[in-house]
Amino acid sequence: AAYLIATVELAERFSFYGSSVVFTNFIQQPL
């Protein structure tokens, strides 16, 4: 059961860091 919950966290962290890793360029750099 711990592995199942860890899989949920894996998907959530994929989405969290996958999105936020490009925030710096999205905000700082011009189009």
Full PDB file with SEQRES, HELIX, SHEET, SSBOND, CRYST1, ORIGX, SCALE, CONECT and MASTER records, all heavy atoms in Angstrom:
SEQRES   1 A   31  ALA ALA TYR LEU ILE ALA THR VAL GLU LEU ALA GLU ARG          
SEQRES   2 A   31  PHE SER PHE TYR GLY SER SER VAL VAL PHE THR ASN PHE          
SEQRES   3 A   31  ILE GLN GLN PRO LEU                                          
HELIX    1 AA1 ALA A    2  SER A   20  1                                  19    
HELIX    2 AA2 PHE A   23  GLN A   28  1                                   6    
CRYST1    1.000    1.000    1.000  90.00  90.00  90.00 P 1           1          
ORIGX1      1.000000  0.000000  0.000000        0.00000                         
ORIGX2      0.000000  1.000000  0.000000        0.00000                         
ORIGX3      0.000000  0.000000  1.000000        0.00000                         
SCALE1      1.000000  0.000000  0.000000        0.00000                         
SCALE2      0.000000  1.000000  0.000000        0.00000                         
SCALE3      0.000000  0.000000  1.000000        0.00000                         
ATOM      1  N   ALA A   1       0.827  -1.206   0.000  1.00  0.00           N  
ATOM      2  CA  ALA A   1       0.000   0.000   0.000  1.00  0.00           C  
ATOM      3  C   ALA A   1       0.863   1.259   0.000  1.00  0.00           C  
ATOM      4  O   ALA A   1       0.474   2.279  -0.571  1.00  0.00           O  
ATOM      5  CB  ALA A   1      -0.933   0.002   1.213  1.00  0.00           C  
ATOM      6  N   ALA A   2       2.033   1.175   0.611  1.00  0.00           N  
ATOM      7  CA  ALA A   2       2.939   2.334   0.628  1.00  0.00           C  
ATOM      8  C   ALA A   2       3.430   2.653  -0.773  1.00  0.00           C  
ATOM      9  O   ALA A   2       3.595   3.830  -1.138  1.00  0.00           O  
ATOM     10  CB  ALA A   2       4.122   2.059   1.552  1.00  0.00           C  
ATOM     11  N   TYR A   3       3.646   1.613  -1.596  1.00  0.00           N  
ATOM     12  CA  TYR A   3       4.088   1.845  -2.972  1.00  0.00           C  
ATOM     13  C   TYR A   3       2.983   2.492  -3.810  1.00  0.00           C  
ATOM     14  O   TYR A   3       3.261   3.330  -4.668  1.00  0.00           O  
ATOM     15  CB  TYR A   3       4.524   0.529  -3.613  1.00  0.00           C  
ATOM     16  CG  TYR A   3       5.764  -0.061  -2.995  1.00  0.00           C  
ATOM     17  CD1 TYR A   3       5.689  -1.201  -2.207  1.00  0.00           C  
ATOM     18  CD2 TYR A   3       7.009   0.519  -3.193  1.00  0.00           C  
ATOM     19  CE1 TYR A   3       6.822  -1.745  -1.631  1.00  0.00           C  
ATOM     20  CE2 TYR A   3       8.143  -0.021  -2.632  1.00  0.00           C  
ATOM     21  CZ  TYR A   3       8.045  -1.152  -1.848  1.00  0.00           C  
ATOM     22  OH  TYR A   3       9.167  -1.685  -1.271  1.00  0.00           O  
ATOM     23  N   LEU A   4       1.737   2.111  -3.565  1.00  0.00           N  
ATOM     24  CA  LEU A   4       0.630   2.717  -4.300  1.00  0.00           C  
ATOM     25  C   LEU A   4       0.534   4.210  -4.004  1.00  0.00           C  
ATOM     26  O   LEU A   4       0.374   5.040  -4.909  1.00  0.00           O  
ATOM     27  CB  LEU A   4      -0.685   2.018  -3.946  1.00  0.00           C  
ATOM     28  CG  LEU A   4      -0.873   0.590  -4.455  1.00  0.00           C  
ATOM     29  CD1 LEU A   4      -2.174  -0.001  -3.922  1.00  0.00           C  
ATOM     30  CD2 LEU A   4      -0.867   0.557  -5.981  1.00  0.00           C  
ATOM     31  N   ILE A   5       0.637   4.553  -2.733  1.00  0.00           N  
ATOM     32  CA  ILE A   5       0.566   5.966  -2.352  1.00  0.00           C  
ATOM     33  C   ILE A   5       1.779   6.718  -2.881  1.00  0.00           C  
ATOM     34  O   ILE A   5       1.673   7.871  -3.317  1.00  0.00           O  
ATOM     35  CB  ILE A   5       0.440   6.101  -0.823  1.00  0.00           C  
ATOM     36  CG1 ILE A   5      -0.896   5.512  -0.369  1.00  0.00           C  
ATOM     37  CG2 ILE A   5       0.554   7.558  -0.390  1.00  0.00           C  
ATOM     38  CD1 ILE A   5      -1.060   5.412   1.116  1.00  0.00           C  
ATOM     39  N   ALA A   6       2.943   6.066  -2.865  1.00  0.00           N  
ATOM     40  CA  ALA A   6       4.137   6.699  -3.425  1.00  0.00           C  
ATOM     41  C   ALA A   6       3.966   6.947  -4.925  1.00  0.00           C  
ATOM     42  O   ALA A   6       4.491   7.935  -5.456  1.00  0.00           O  
ATOM     43  CB  ALA A   6       5.368   5.819  -3.171  1.00  0.00           C  
ATOM     44  N   THR A   7       3.226   6.078  -5.607  1.00  0.00           N  
ATOM     45  CA  THR A   7       2.954   6.288  -7.031  1.00  0.00           C  
ATOM     46  C   THR A   7       2.089   7.520  -7.240  1.00  0.00           C  
ATOM     47  O   THR A   7       2.285   8.290  -8.191  1.00  0.00           O  
ATOM     48  CB  THR A   7       2.265   5.049  -7.628  1.00  0.00           C  
ATOM     49  OG1 THR A   7       3.114   3.905  -7.452  1.00  0.00           O  
ATOM     50  CG2 THR A   7       1.982   5.235  -9.108  1.00  0.00           C  
ATOM     51  N   VAL A   8       1.120   7.728  -6.350  1.00  0.00           N  
ATOM     52  CA  VAL A   8       0.306   8.950  -6.403  1.00  0.00           C  
ATOM     53  C   VAL A   8       1.202  10.174  -6.240  1.00  0.00           C  
ATOM     54  O   VAL A   8       1.076  11.164  -6.976  1.00  0.00           O  
ATOM     55  CB  VAL A   8      -0.777   8.927  -5.307  1.00  0.00           C  
ATOM     56  CG1 VAL A   8      -1.520  10.262  -5.251  1.00  0.00           C  
ATOM     57  CG2 VAL A   8      -1.764   7.797  -5.554  1.00  0.00           C  
ATOM     58  N   GLU A   9       2.121  10.098  -5.293  1.00  0.00           N  
ATOM     59  CA  GLU A   9       3.038  11.221  -5.075  1.00  0.00           C  
ATOM     60  C   GLU A   9       3.950  11.426  -6.280  1.00  0.00           C  
ATOM     61  O   GLU A   9       4.267  12.568  -6.643  1.00  0.00           O  
ATOM     62  CB  GLU A   9       3.882  10.962  -3.815  1.00  0.00           C  
ATOM     63  CG  GLU A   9       4.939  12.013  -3.520  1.00  0.00           C  
ATOM     64  CD  GLU A   9       4.389  13.339  -3.025  1.00  0.00           C  
ATOM     65  OE1 GLU A   9       3.173  13.562  -3.153  1.00  0.00           O  
ATOM     66  OE2 GLU A   9       5.166  14.162  -2.524  1.00  0.00           O  
ATOM     67  N   LEU A  10       4.395  10.340  -6.920  1.00  0.00           N  
ATOM     68  CA  LEU A  10       5.220  10.456  -8.120  1.00  0.00           C  
ATOM     69  C   LEU A  10       4.492  11.252  -9.205  1.00  0.00           C  
ATOM     70  O   LEU A  10       5.059  12.162  -9.815  1.00  0.00           O  
ATOM     71  CB  LEU A  10       5.583   9.054  -8.629  1.00  0.00           C  
ATOM     72  CG  LEU A  10       6.515   8.962  -9.846  1.00  0.00           C  
ATOM     73  CD1 LEU A  10       7.303   7.653  -9.799  1.00  0.00           C  
ATOM     74  CD2 LEU A  10       5.757   9.039 -11.177  1.00  0.00           C  
ATOM     75  N   ALA A  11       3.209  10.913  -9.438  1.00  0.00           N  
ATOM     76  CA  ALA A  11       2.440  11.618 -10.469  1.00  0.00           C  
ATOM     77  C   ALA A  11       2.227  13.080 -10.094  1.00  0.00           C  
ATOM     78  O   ALA A  11       2.318  13.979 -10.941  1.00  0.00           O  
ATOM     79  CB  ALA A  11       1.099  10.922 -10.682  1.00  0.00           C  
ATOM     80  N   GLU A  12       1.945  13.331  -8.815  1.00  0.00           N  
ATOM     81  CA  GLU A  12       1.723  14.706  -8.372  1.00  0.00           C  
ATOM     82  C   GLU A  12       2.990  15.537  -8.481  1.00  0.00           C  
ATOM     83  O   GLU A  12       2.965  16.700  -8.908  1.00  0.00           O  
ATOM     84  CB  GLU A  12       1.198  14.704  -6.934  1.00  0.00           C  
ATOM     85  CG  GLU A  12       0.665  16.038  -6.450  1.00  0.00           C  
ATOM     86  CD  GLU A  12       1.742  16.950  -5.877  1.00  0.00           C  
ATOM     87  OE1 GLU A  12       2.812  16.426  -5.501  1.00  0.00           O  
ATOM     88  OE2 GLU A  12       1.512  18.178  -5.787  1.00  0.00           O  
ATOM     89  N   ARG A  13       4.131  14.943  -8.115  1.00  0.00           N  
ATOM     90  CA  ARG A  13       5.403  15.681  -8.204  1.00  0.00           C  
ATOM     91  C   ARG A  13       5.839  15.863  -9.656  1.00  0.00           C  
ATOM     92  O   ARG A  13       6.474  16.865  -9.996  1.00  0.00           O  
ATOM     93  CB  ARG A  13       6.486  14.948  -7.426  1.00  0.00           C  
ATOM     94  CG  ARG A  13       6.312  14.973  -5.917  1.00  0.00           C  
ATOM     95  CD  ARG A  13       6.490  16.362  -5.327  1.00  0.00           C  
ATOM     96  NE  ARG A  13       5.259  17.143  -5.231  1.00  0.00           N  
ATOM     97  CZ  ARG A  13       5.185  18.362  -4.745  1.00  0.00           C  
ATOM     98  NH1 ARG A  13       6.292  18.959  -4.303  1.00  0.00           N  
ATOM     99  NH2 ARG A  13       4.038  19.011  -4.689  1.00  0.00           N  
ATOM    100  N   PHE A  14       5.517  14.901 -10.522  1.00  0.00           N  
ATOM    101  CA  PHE A  14       5.765  15.090 -11.958  1.00  0.00           C  
ATOM    102  C   PHE A  14       5.051  16.348 -12.437  1.00  0.00           C  
ATOM    103  O   PHE A  14       5.624  17.187 -13.132  1.00  0.00           O  
ATOM    104  CB  PHE A  14       5.260  13.867 -12.741  1.00  0.00           C  
ATOM    105  CG  PHE A  14       5.455  13.947 -14.232  1.00  0.00           C  
ATOM    106  CD1 PHE A  14       6.445  13.210 -14.854  1.00  0.00           C  
ATOM    107  CD2 PHE A  14       4.640  14.753 -15.023  1.00  0.00           C  
ATOM    108  CE1 PHE A  14       6.631  13.273 -16.242  1.00  0.00           C  
ATOM    109  CE2 PHE A  14       4.818  14.838 -16.403  1.00  0.00           C  
ATOM    110  CZ  PHE A  14       5.820  14.095 -17.007  1.00  0.00           C  
ATOM    111  N   SER A  15       3.800  16.465 -12.057  1.00  0.00           N  
ATOM    112  CA  SER A  15       3.012  17.616 -12.509  1.00  0.00           C  
ATOM    113  C   SER A  15       3.479  18.906 -11.849  1.00  0.00           C  
ATOM    114  O   SER A  15       3.559  19.953 -12.504  1.00  0.00           O  
ATOM    115  CB  SER A  15       1.529  17.372 -12.219  1.00  0.00           C  
ATOM    116  OG  SER A  15       1.273  17.317 -10.831  1.00  0.00           O  
ATOM    117  N   PHE A  16       3.815  18.836 -10.563  1.00  0.00           N  
ATOM    118  CA  PHE A  16       4.222  20.048  -9.835  1.00  0.00           C  
ATOM    119  C   PHE A  16       5.551  20.578 -10.366  1.00  0.00           C  
ATOM    120  O   PHE A  16       5.674  21.743 -10.749  1.00  0.00           O  
ATOM    121  CB  PHE A  16       4.327  19.738  -8.339  1.00  0.00           C  
ATOM    122  CG  PHE A  16       4.758  20.910  -7.500  1.00  0.00           C  
ATOM    123  CD1 PHE A  16       3.819  21.814  -7.023  1.00  0.00           C  
ATOM    124  CD2 PHE A  16       6.092  21.112  -7.174  1.00  0.00           C  
ATOM    125  CE1 PHE A  16       4.201  22.902  -6.242  1.00  0.00           C  
ATOM    126  CE2 PHE A  16       6.483  22.189  -6.409  1.00  0.00           C  
ATOM    127  CZ  PHE A  16       5.540  23.089  -5.936  1.00  0.00           C  
ATOM    128  N   TYR A  17       6.573  19.709 -10.388  1.00  0.00           N  
ATOM    129  CA  TYR A  17       7.894  20.159 -10.820  1.00  0.00           C  
ATOM    130  C   TYR A  17       7.972  20.311 -12.337  1.00  0.00           C  
ATOM    131  O   TYR A  17       8.697  21.176 -12.834  1.00  0.00           O  
ATOM    132  CB  TYR A  17       8.969  19.190 -10.326  1.00  0.00           C  
ATOM    133  CG  TYR A  17       9.271  19.350  -8.858  1.00  0.00           C  
ATOM    134  CD1 TYR A  17       8.876  18.382  -7.939  1.00  0.00           C  
ATOM    135  CD2 TYR A  17       9.943  20.463  -8.382  1.00  0.00           C  
ATOM    136  CE1 TYR A  17       9.142  18.528  -6.585  1.00  0.00           C  
ATOM    137  CE2 TYR A  17      10.208  20.622  -7.030  1.00  0.00           C  
ATOM    138  CZ  TYR A  17       9.810  19.650  -6.141  1.00  0.00           C  
ATOM    139  OH  TYR A  17      10.069  19.797  -4.803  1.00  0.00           O  
ATOM    140  N   GLY A  18       7.243  19.464 -13.070  1.00  0.00           N  
ATOM    141  CA  GLY A  18       7.234  19.603 -14.514  1.00  0.00           C  
ATOM    142  C   GLY A  18       6.694  20.960 -14.941  1.00  0.00           C  
ATOM    143  O   GLY A  18       7.183  21.561 -15.907  1.00  0.00           O  
ATOM    144  N   SER A  19       5.702  21.453 -14.206  1.00  0.00           N  
ATOM    145  CA  SER A  19       5.156  22.782 -14.502  1.00  0.00           C  
ATOM    146  C   SER A  19       6.065  23.885 -13.979  1.00  0.00           C  
ATOM    147  O   SER A  19       6.415  24.827 -14.702  1.00  0.00           O  
ATOM    148  CB  SER A  19       3.761  22.931 -13.877  1.00  0.00           C  
ATOM    149  OG  SER A  19       2.862  21.985 -14.390  1.00  0.00           O  
ATOM    150  N   SER A  20       6.461  23.775 -12.709  1.00  0.00           N  
ATOM    151  CA  SER A  20       7.172  24.888 -12.064  1.00  0.00           C  
ATOM    152  C   SER A  20       8.597  25.064 -12.571  1.00  0.00           C  
ATOM    153  O   SER A  20       9.171  26.146 -12.436  1.00  0.00           O  
ATOM    154  CB  SER A  20       7.177  24.699 -10.541  1.00  0.00           C  
ATOM    155  OG  SER A  20       7.840  23.500 -10.176  1.00  0.00           O  
ATOM    156  N   VAL A  21       9.201  24.018 -13.175  1.00  0.00           N  
ATOM    157  CA  VAL A  21      10.575  24.156 -13.648  1.00  0.00           C  
ATOM    158  C   VAL A  21      10.681  25.196 -14.757  1.00  0.00           C  
ATOM    159  O   VAL A  21      11.751  25.790 -14.956  1.00  0.00           O  
ATOM    160  CB  VAL A  21      11.130  22.790 -14.127  1.00  0.00           C  
ATOM    161  CG1 VAL A  21      10.496  22.369 -15.450  1.00  0.00           C  
ATOM    162  CG2 VAL A  21      12.649  22.842 -14.259  1.00  0.00           C  
ATOM    163  N   VAL A  22       9.594  25.435 -15.468  1.00  0.00           N  
ATOM    164  CA  VAL A  22       9.635  26.423 -16.551  1.00  0.00           C  
ATOM    165  C   VAL A  22       9.051  27.773 -16.135  1.00  0.00           C  
ATOM    166  O   VAL A  22       8.964  28.689 -16.950  1.00  0.00           O  
ATOM    167  CB  VAL A  22       8.900  25.894 -17.808  1.00  0.00           C  
ATOM    168  CG1 VAL A  22       9.560  24.623 -18.313  1.00  0.00           C  
ATOM    169  CG2 VAL A  22       7.421  25.657 -17.537  1.00  0.00           C  
ATOM    170  N   PHE A  23       8.663  27.900 -14.876  1.00  0.00           N  
ATOM    171  CA  PHE A  23       8.102  29.173 -14.404  1.00  0.00           C  
ATOM    172  C   PHE A  23       9.103  30.321 -14.534  1.00  0.00           C  
ATOM    173  O   PHE A  23       8.728  31.439 -14.899  1.00  0.00           O  
ATOM    174  CB  PHE A  23       7.656  29.061 -12.943  1.00  0.00           C  
ATOM    175  CG  PHE A  23       6.344  28.354 -12.740  1.00  0.00           C  
ATOM    176  CD1 PHE A  23       5.885  28.082 -11.462  1.00  0.00           C  
ATOM    177  CD2 PHE A  23       5.571  27.936 -13.819  1.00  0.00           C  
ATOM    178  CE1 PHE A  23       4.679  27.430 -11.257  1.00  0.00           C  
ATOM    179  CE2 PHE A  23       4.364  27.272 -13.623  1.00  0.00           C  
ATOM    180  CZ  PHE A  23       3.922  27.018 -12.334  1.00  0.00           C  
ATOM    181  N   THR A  24      10.374  30.064 -14.208  1.00  0.00           N  
ATOM    182  CA  THR A  24      11.373  31.130 -14.229  1.00  0.00           C  
ATOM    183  C   THR A  24      11.484  31.742 -15.619  1.00  0.00           C  
ATOM    184  O   THR A  24      11.434  32.975 -15.777  1.00  0.00           O  
ATOM    185  CB  THR A  24      12.744  30.603 -13.760  1.00  0.00           C  
ATOM    186  OG1 THR A  24      12.632  30.161 -12.399  1.00  0.00           O  
ATOM    187  CG2 THR A  24      13.803  31.700 -13.835  1.00  0.00           C  
ATOM    188  N   ASN A  25      11.639  30.899 -16.635  1.00  0.00           N  
ATOM    189  CA  ASN A  25      11.717  31.417 -18.005  1.00  0.00           C  
ATOM    190  C   ASN A  25      10.397  32.056 -18.436  1.00  0.00           C  
ATOM    191  O   ASN A  25      10.387  33.082 -19.122  1.00  0.00           O  
ATOM    192  CB  ASN A  25      12.088  30.299 -18.980  1.00  0.00           C  
ATOM    193  CG  ASN A  25      13.575  30.000 -18.957  1.00  0.00           C  
ATOM    194  OD1 ASN A  25      14.353  30.705 -18.337  1.00  0.00           O  
ATOM    195  ND2 ASN A  25      13.976  28.935 -19.642  1.00  0.00           N  
ATOM    196  N   PHE A  26       9.271  31.452 -18.051  1.00  0.00           N  
ATOM    197  CA  PHE A  26       7.960  31.972 -18.430  1.00  0.00           C  
ATOM    198  C   PHE A  26       7.772  33.404 -17.918  1.00  0.00           C  
ATOM    199  O   PHE A  26       7.258  34.277 -18.635  1.00  0.00           O  
ATOM    200  CB  PHE A  26       6.865  31.068 -17.864  1.00  0.00           C  
ATOM    201  CG  PHE A  26       5.468  31.418 -18.308  1.00  0.00           C  
ATOM    202  CD1 PHE A  26       4.972  30.962 -19.519  1.00  0.00           C  
ATOM    203  CD2 PHE A  26       4.635  32.194 -17.508  1.00  0.00           C  
ATOM    204  CE1 PHE A  26       3.680  31.283 -19.938  1.00  0.00           C  
ATOM    205  CE2 PHE A  26       3.348  32.520 -17.909  1.00  0.00           C  
ATOM    206  CZ  PHE A  26       2.870  32.055 -19.132  1.00  0.00           C  
ATOM    207  N   ILE A  27       8.208  33.657 -16.694  1.00  0.00           N  
ATOM    208  CA  ILE A  27       8.016  34.979 -16.085  1.00  0.00           C  
ATOM    209  C   ILE A  27       9.129  35.948 -16.495  1.00  0.00           C  
ATOM    210  O   ILE A  27       8.867  37.096 -16.873  1.00  0.00           O  
ATOM    211  CB  ILE A  27       7.985  34.863 -14.550  1.00  0.00           C  
ATOM    212  CG1 ILE A  27       6.847  33.933 -14.107  1.00  0.00           C  
ATOM    213  CG2 ILE A  27       7.830  36.234 -13.903  1.00  0.00           C  
ATOM    214  CD1 ILE A  27       6.952  33.494 -12.665  1.00  0.00           C  
ATOM    215  N   GLN A  28      10.384  35.490 -16.436  1.00  0.00           N  
ATOM    216  CA  GLN A  28      11.530  36.393 -16.582  1.00  0.00           C  
ATOM    217  C   GLN A  28      11.790  36.807 -18.030  1.00  0.00           C  
ATOM    218  O   GLN A  28      11.996  37.990 -18.309  1.00  0.00           O  
ATOM    219  CB  GLN A  28      12.783  35.738 -16.014  1.00  0.00           C  
ATOM    220  CG  GLN A  28      14.043  36.582 -16.178  1.00  0.00           C  
ATOM    221  CD  GLN A  28      15.274  35.904 -15.590  1.00  0.00           C  
ATOM    222  OE1 GLN A  28      15.147  34.953 -14.829  1.00  0.00           O  
ATOM    223  NE2 GLN A  28      16.446  36.382 -15.931  1.00  0.00           N  
ATOM    224  N   GLN A  29      11.799  35.852 -18.936  1.00  0.00           N  
ATOM    225  CA  GLN A  29      12.245  36.119 -20.301  1.00  0.00           C  
ATOM    226  C   GLN A  29      11.100  36.628 -21.184  1.00  0.00           C  
ATOM    227  O   GLN A  29       9.948  36.220 -21.011  1.00  0.00           O  
ATOM    228  CB  GLN A  29      12.840  34.840 -20.923  1.00  0.00           C  
ATOM    229  CG  GLN A  29      13.927  34.183 -20.092  1.00  0.00           C  
ATOM    230  CD  GLN A  29      15.177  35.040 -19.955  1.00  0.00           C  
ATOM    231  OE1 GLN A  29      15.383  35.973 -20.729  1.00  0.00           O  
ATOM    232  NE2 GLN A  29      16.017  34.721 -18.977  1.00  0.00           N  
ATOM    233  N   PRO A  30      11.389  37.484 -22.155  1.00  0.00           N  
ATOM    234  CA  PRO A  30      10.347  37.962 -23.061  1.00  0.00           C  
ATOM    235  C   PRO A  30       9.974  36.906 -24.098  1.00  0.00           C  
ATOM    236  O   PRO A  30      10.735  35.959 -24.338  1.00  0.00           O  
ATOM    237  CB  PRO A  30      11.008  39.181 -23.727  1.00  0.00           C  
ATOM    238  CG  PRO A  30      12.471  38.863 -23.697  1.00  0.00           C  
ATOM    239  CD  PRO A  30      12.706  38.104 -22.409  1.00  0.00           C  
ATOM    240  N   LEU A  31       8.819  37.087 -24.700  1.00  0.00           N  
ATOM    241  CA  LEU A  31       8.381  36.194 -25.772  1.00  0.00           C  
ATOM    242  C   LEU A  31       9.351  36.323 -26.940  1.00  0.00           C  
ATOM    243  O   LEU A  31       9.585  37.421 -27.446  1.00  0.00           O  
ATOM    244  CB  LEU A  31       6.976  36.581 -26.221  1.00  0.00           C  
ATOM    245  CG  LEU A  31       6.220  35.606 -27.126  1.00  0.00           C  
ATOM    246  CD1 LEU A  31       5.835  34.345 -26.358  1.00  0.00           C  
ATOM    247  CD2 LEU A  31       4.976  36.272 -27.707  1.00  0.00           C  
TER     248      LEU A  31                                                      
MASTER        0    0    0    2    0    0    0    6  247    1    0    3          
END                                                                             
